[in-house]
Structures are given as structure tokens and as C-alpha cells.
Amino acid sequence: MAVIQSTLIPHLSLGGIKPDIVLLVVAVWSLLRGAEEGVVWGLIGGILLDLLSGAPFGVFTIAMAAVSFLTGMGEMNVFRTNITLPLATTFFATIAYNFIFLILLQAMGWPIAWIDDFIRVILPTTLLNTLLMPIVYKLMHWLHRRTGREEISW
């Protein structure tokens, strides 16, 4: 997903707005499998994005790991049956991810135009991610069922 996000997605952007497919996959996986697996995949996805980007190394990793941990804290059976909660989670996870990313960049001395970035990048990306989430959720839920852990019944 990181390779697709870094190479193909920029050519498919809508008015410069691109979905964060790695974030979507990691957030949904965190919802389905919990914080522990979510953070592992958040770290992997973040490192790959860091390797493929021009941003300072570590900003994608830290932002992705933080959001995957927070998202994974919401792992519950209700997420598997009610689409409203994953939609809301995706909305807030995208905002949190982008704010963490920008805070890290600003801490490293990069100039950040907060209001402009929010209006032109964060808000449209958040809406696009939220619209795409049901598709990603459906695919990841299928994968979750196919690779699910065996449950022990007492």
C-alpha cells in the first residue's frame, strides 16, 4: 500500500486531494485486531512511507504508530457490525494523523501554515478517507475473517 500511495495515488488525485490508503488500511486493521497488531502495522506502514517520501525520516512512522494505537483501543465487536463507528473513527484518525504529522514537521523547523493546511489538505483528505473507508473496511474485514485468530472456547 505504501508503494501504491507513493507512486500511483499522486496521479489519481482529485484536485490535488489524495487518500491516505496506508492510514485507512492500518486504521481499519487496528479496529479489527486491536492496538497491538495495529501498532505493528502502523510502524511498518510508517517506515515504508518514510523511506518513500522526502519528509524527515520518522514523521510518518510516529504519526502512523500513534494513530494506530489510538484506533486500536476501540477494538470491539460492535465495529464489525456497525459502519457508523468506523466512519467516525476514520474521520477523527485522519485529522489526528495529519495534525501529529504537522506538529512533528514544525518541531523540526519546517514552516506550517496551519489554517491553510487544514482547509486545503486536512479537511478534504479527511472527507475523502471517510468516503473510501467502507470499501477498505469491507476488504480488510474479509482479510480479517480469512486470517483470524482461532478463538478458544472454554
C-alpha atoms as a PDB file:
ATOM      1  CA  MET A   1       0.000   0.000   0.000  1.00  0.00           C
ATOM      2  CA  ALA A   2       2.880   2.389   0.746  1.00  0.00           C
ATOM      3  CA  VAL A   3       4.320   1.867  -2.736  1.00  0.00           C
ATOM      4  CA  ILE A   4       0.898   2.418  -4.327  1.00  0.00           C
ATOM      5  CA  GLN A   5       0.327   5.516  -2.182  1.00  0.00           C
ATOM      6  CA  SER A   6       3.722   6.934  -3.116  1.00  0.00           C
ATOM      7  CA  THR A   7       3.698   6.128  -6.829  1.00  0.00           C
ATOM      8  CA  LEU A   8       0.200   5.629  -8.256  1.00  0.00           C
ATOM      9  CA  ILE A   9      -2.090   7.671  -5.998  1.00  0.00           C
ATOM     10  CA  PRO A  10      -0.472  11.064  -6.805  1.00  0.00           C
ATOM     11  CA  HIS A  11      -1.522  10.529 -10.440  1.00  0.00           C
ATOM     12  CA  LEU A  12      -5.103   9.727  -9.410  1.00  0.00           C
ATOM     13  CA  SER A  13      -5.592  12.670  -7.071  1.00  0.00           C
ATOM     14  CA  LEU A  14      -8.813  14.668  -7.259  1.00  0.00           C
ATOM     15  CA  GLY A  15      -7.911  18.352  -7.408  1.00  0.00           C
ATOM     16  CA  GLY A  16      -4.690  17.637  -5.562  1.00  0.00           C
ATOM     17  CA  ILE A  17      -6.540  15.692  -2.849  1.00  0.00           C
ATOM     18  CA  LYS A  18      -5.213  12.174  -2.287  1.00  0.00           C
ATOM     19  CA  PRO A  19      -6.444   9.471   0.073  1.00  0.00           C
ATOM     20  CA  ASP A  20      -4.117   8.100   2.725  1.00  0.00           C
ATOM     21  CA  ILE A  21      -4.578   4.442   1.854  1.00  0.00           C
ATOM     22  CA  VAL A  22      -1.908   3.248   4.266  1.00  0.00           C
ATOM     23  CA  LEU A  23      -3.670   5.123   7.059  1.00  0.00           C
ATOM     24  CA  LEU A  24      -7.018   3.630   6.019  1.00  0.00           C
ATOM     25  CA  VAL A  25      -5.668   0.080   5.975  1.00  0.00           C
ATOM     26  CA  VAL A  26      -3.827   0.489   9.277  1.00  0.00           C
ATOM     27  CA  ALA A  27      -6.794   2.181  10.993  1.00  0.00           C
ATOM     28  CA  VAL A  28      -9.257  -0.498   9.879  1.00  0.00           C
ATOM     29  CA  TRP A  29      -6.851  -3.294  10.828  1.00  0.00           C
ATOM     30  CA  SER A  30      -6.388  -1.679  14.237  1.00  0.00           C
ATOM     31  CA  LEU A  31     -10.155  -1.597  14.709  1.00  0.00           C
ATOM     32  CA  LEU A  32     -10.472  -5.243  13.747  1.00  0.00           C
ATOM     33  CA  ARG A  33      -7.420  -6.667  15.526  1.00  0.00           C
ATOM     34  CA  GLY A  34      -6.663  -4.210  18.308  1.00  0.00           C
ATOM     35  CA  ALA A  35      -3.868  -1.856  19.290  1.00  0.00           C
ATOM     36  CA  GLU A  36      -1.089  -4.463  19.413  1.00  0.00           C
ATOM     37  CA  GLU A  37      -1.407  -5.584  15.789  1.00  0.00           C
ATOM     38  CA  GLY A  38      -2.401  -2.092  14.714  1.00  0.00           C
ATOM     39  CA  VAL A  39       0.798  -0.558  16.049  1.00  0.00           C
ATOM     40  CA  VAL A  40       2.931  -3.221  14.356  1.00  0.00           C
ATOM     41  CA  TRP A  41       1.303  -2.470  11.005  1.00  0.00           C
ATOM     42  CA  GLY A  42       1.367   1.257  11.768  1.00  0.00           C
ATOM     43  CA  LEU A  43       5.120   1.067  12.321  1.00  0.00           C
ATOM     44  CA  ILE A  44       5.660  -0.953   9.151  1.00  0.00           C
ATOM     45  CA  GLY A  45       3.455   1.350   7.065  1.00  0.00           C
ATOM     46  CA  GLY A  46       5.031   4.451   8.573  1.00  0.00           C
ATOM     47  CA  ILE A  47       8.587   3.269   7.971  1.00  0.00           C
ATOM     48  CA  LEU A  48       7.781   2.410   4.359  1.00  0.00           C
ATOM     49  CA  LEU A  49       6.174   5.815   3.822  1.00  0.00           C
ATOM     50  CA  ASP A  50       9.218   7.464   5.422  1.00  0.00           C
ATOM     51  CA  LEU A  51      11.521   5.563   3.075  1.00  0.00           C
ATOM     52  CA  LEU A  52       9.474   6.585   0.034  1.00  0.00           C
ATOM     53  CA  SER A  53       8.958  10.252   0.906  1.00  0.00           C
ATOM     54  CA  GLY A  54      11.003  13.404   1.031  1.00  0.00           C
ATOM     55  CA  ALA A  55       9.854  14.229   4.552  1.00  0.00           C
ATOM     56  CA  PRO A  56      12.227  13.896   7.500  1.00  0.00           C
ATOM     57  CA  PHE A  57      12.602  10.255   8.429  1.00  0.00           C
ATOM     58  CA  GLY A  58      10.334   9.240  11.276  1.00  0.00           C
ATOM     59  CA  VAL A  59       7.427  11.649  10.896  1.00  0.00           C
ATOM     60  CA  PHE A  60       5.214   9.149   9.079  1.00  0.00           C
ATOM     61  CA  THR A  61       6.254   6.373  11.467  1.00  0.00           C
ATOM     62  CA  ILE A  62       5.481   8.319  14.634  1.00  0.00           C
ATOM     63  CA  ALA A  63       2.174   9.691  13.315  1.00  0.00           C
ATOM     64  CA  MET A  64       1.038   6.299  11.982  1.00  0.00           C
ATOM     65  CA  ALA A  65       2.017   4.406  15.144  1.00  0.00           C
ATOM     66  CA  ALA A  66       0.257   6.926  17.394  1.00  0.00           C
ATOM     67  CA  VAL A  67      -2.961   6.852  15.392  1.00  0.00           C
ATOM     68  CA  SER A  68      -2.944   3.063  15.015  1.00  0.00           C
ATOM     69  CA  PHE A  69      -2.558   2.710  18.790  1.00  0.00           C
ATOM     70  CA  LEU A  70      -5.427   5.112  19.484  1.00  0.00           C
ATOM     71  CA  THR A  71      -7.603   3.495  16.826  1.00  0.00           C
ATOM     72  CA  GLY A  72      -6.825   0.012  18.118  1.00  0.00           C
ATOM     73  CA  MET A  73      -8.016   0.979  21.576  1.00  0.00           C
ATOM     74  CA  GLY A  74     -11.511   0.992  20.079  1.00  0.00           C
ATOM     75  CA  GLU A  75     -11.434  -2.670  19.075  1.00  0.00           C
ATOM     76  CA  MET A  76     -14.841  -4.051  19.889  1.00  0.00           C
ATOM     77  CA  ASN A  77     -17.305  -6.434  18.306  1.00  0.00           C
ATOM     78  CA  VAL A  78     -19.641  -3.516  17.606  1.00  0.00           C
ATOM     79  CA  PHE A  79     -17.160  -2.237  14.995  1.00  0.00           C
ATOM     80  CA  ARG A  80     -17.648  -5.371  12.987  1.00  0.00           C
ATOM     81  CA  THR A  81     -21.383  -4.885  12.637  1.00  0.00           C
ATOM     82  CA  ASN A  82     -21.967  -1.111  12.683  1.00  0.00           C
ATOM     83  CA  ILE A  83     -20.424   1.037   9.933  1.00  0.00           C
ATOM     84  CA  THR A  84     -21.085   4.332  11.761  1.00  0.00           C
ATOM     85  CA  LEU A  85     -18.327   3.849  14.318  1.00  0.00           C
ATOM     86  CA  PRO A  86     -15.585   3.004  11.797  1.00  0.00           C
ATOM     87  CA  LEU A  87     -16.642   6.023   9.720  1.00  0.00           C
ATOM     88  CA  ALA A  88     -16.336   8.317  12.729  1.00  0.00           C
ATOM     89  CA  THR A  89     -13.066   6.691  13.729  1.00  0.00           C
ATOM     90  CA  THR A  90     -11.636   7.213  10.236  1.00  0.00           C
ATOM     91  CA  PHE A  91     -12.715  10.845  10.268  1.00  0.00           C
ATOM     92  CA  PHE A  92     -11.001  11.593  13.593  1.00  0.00           C
ATOM     93  CA  ALA A  93      -7.999   9.327  12.909  1.00  0.00           C
ATOM     94  CA  THR A  94      -7.253  11.197   9.669  1.00  0.00           C
ATOM     95  CA  ILE A  95      -7.396  14.556  11.434  1.00  0.00           C
ATOM     96  CA  ALA A  96      -5.216  13.299  14.297  1.00  0.00           C
ATOM     97  CA  TYR A  97      -2.701  11.724  11.912  1.00  0.00           C
ATOM     98  CA  ASN A  98      -2.326  14.911   9.888  1.00  0.00           C
ATOM     99  CA  PHE A  99      -2.044  17.129  12.966  1.00  0.00           C
ATOM    100  CA  ILE A 100       0.609  14.860  14.504  1.00  0.00           C
ATOM    101  CA  PHE A 101       2.458  14.909  11.183  1.00  0.00           C
ATOM    102  CA  LEU A 102       2.363  18.717  11.001  1.00  0.00           C
ATOM    103  CA  ILE A 103       3.361  19.139  14.658  1.00  0.00           C
ATOM    104  CA  LEU A 104       6.395  16.923  14.049  1.00  0.00           C
ATOM    105  CA  LEU A 105       7.344  18.876  10.924  1.00  0.00           C
ATOM    106  CA  GLN A 106       7.002  22.172  12.775  1.00  0.00           C
ATOM    107  CA  ALA A 107       9.117  20.826  15.653  1.00  0.00           C
ATOM    108  CA  MET A 108      11.820  20.069  13.074  1.00  0.00           C
ATOM    109  CA  GLY A 109      11.757  23.646  11.842  1.00  0.00           C
ATOM    110  CA  TRP A 110       9.506  23.312   8.803  1.00  0.00           C
ATOM    111  CA  PRO A 111       7.140  26.261   8.330  1.00  0.00           C
ATOM    112  CA  ILE A 112       3.487  25.253   8.696  1.00  0.00           C
ATOM    113  CA  ALA A 113       0.513  27.344   7.554  1.00  0.00           C
ATOM    114  CA  TRP A 114      -1.980  25.773   9.937  1.00  0.00           C
ATOM    115  CA  ILE A 115      -5.236  27.289   8.688  1.00  0.00           C
ATOM    116  CA  ASP A 116      -4.318  26.932   5.013  1.00  0.00           C
ATOM    117  CA  ASP A 117      -3.147  23.338   5.513  1.00  0.00           C
ATOM    118  CA  PHE A 118      -6.328  22.482   7.389  1.00  0.00           C
ATOM    119  CA  ILE A 119      -8.648  23.951   4.755  1.00  0.00           C
ATOM    120  CA  ARG A 120      -6.752  22.851   1.631  1.00  0.00           C
ATOM    121  CA  VAL A 121      -5.316  19.489   2.713  1.00  0.00           C
ATOM    122  CA  ILE A 122      -6.525  18.032   6.007  1.00  0.00           C
ATOM    123  CA  LEU A 123     -10.263  18.614   5.671  1.00  0.00           C
ATOM    124  CA  PRO A 124     -10.578  17.391   2.042  1.00  0.00           C
ATOM    125  CA  THR A 125      -8.340  14.381   2.761  1.00  0.00           C
ATOM    126  CA  THR A 126     -10.402  13.575   5.847  1.00  0.00           C
ATOM    127  CA  LEU A 127     -13.617  13.647   3.840  1.00  0.00           C
ATOM    128  CA  LEU A 128     -12.120  11.519   1.048  1.00  0.00           C
ATOM    129  CA  ASN A 129     -10.733   8.972   3.525  1.00  0.00           C
ATOM    130  CA  THR A 130     -14.108   8.774   5.246  1.00  0.00           C
ATOM    131  CA  LEU A 131     -15.867   8.199   1.909  1.00  0.00           C
ATOM    132  CA  LEU A 132     -13.386   5.455   0.936  1.00  0.00           C
ATOM    133  CA  MET A 133     -13.425   3.759   4.326  1.00  0.00           C
ATOM    134  CA  PRO A 134     -16.424   1.432   3.651  1.00  0.00           C
ATOM    135  CA  ILE A 135     -14.579  -0.086   0.667  1.00  0.00           C
ATOM    136  CA  VAL A 136     -11.357  -0.542   2.628  1.00  0.00           C
ATOM    137  CA  TYR A 137     -13.318  -1.817   5.634  1.00  0.00           C
ATOM    138  CA  LYS A 138     -15.074  -4.442   3.516  1.00  0.00           C
ATOM    139  CA  LEU A 139     -11.760  -5.702   2.072  1.00  0.00           C
ATOM    140  CA  MET A 140      -9.963  -5.682   5.414  1.00  0.00           C
ATOM    141  CA  HIS A 141     -12.895  -7.363   7.170  1.00  0.00           C
ATOM    142  CA  TRP A 142     -12.742 -10.132   4.579  1.00  0.00           C
ATOM    143  CA  LEU A 143      -8.978 -10.483   5.184  1.00  0.00           C
ATOM    144  CA  HIS A 144      -9.555 -10.416   8.942  1.00  0.00           C
ATOM    145  CA  ARG A 145     -12.014 -13.319   8.680  1.00  0.00           C
ATOM    146  CA  ARG A 146      -9.650 -15.292   6.400  1.00  0.00           C
ATOM    147  CA  THR A 147      -6.644 -14.829   8.679  1.00  0.00           C
ATOM    148  CA  GLY A 148      -8.455 -14.586  12.013  1.00  0.00           C
ATOM    149  CA  ARG A 149      -7.026 -15.916  15.193  1.00  0.00           C
ATOM    150  CA  GLU A 150      -8.594 -19.054  16.466  1.00  0.00           C
ATOM    151  CA  GLU A 151     -10.849 -18.321  19.366  1.00  0.00           C
ATOM    152  CA  ILE A 152     -10.631 -20.539  22.420  1.00  0.00           C
ATOM    153  CA  SER A 153     -13.938 -21.508  23.934  1.00  0.00           C
ATOM    154  CA  TRP A 154     -13.934 -22.620  27.495  1.00  0.00           C
END
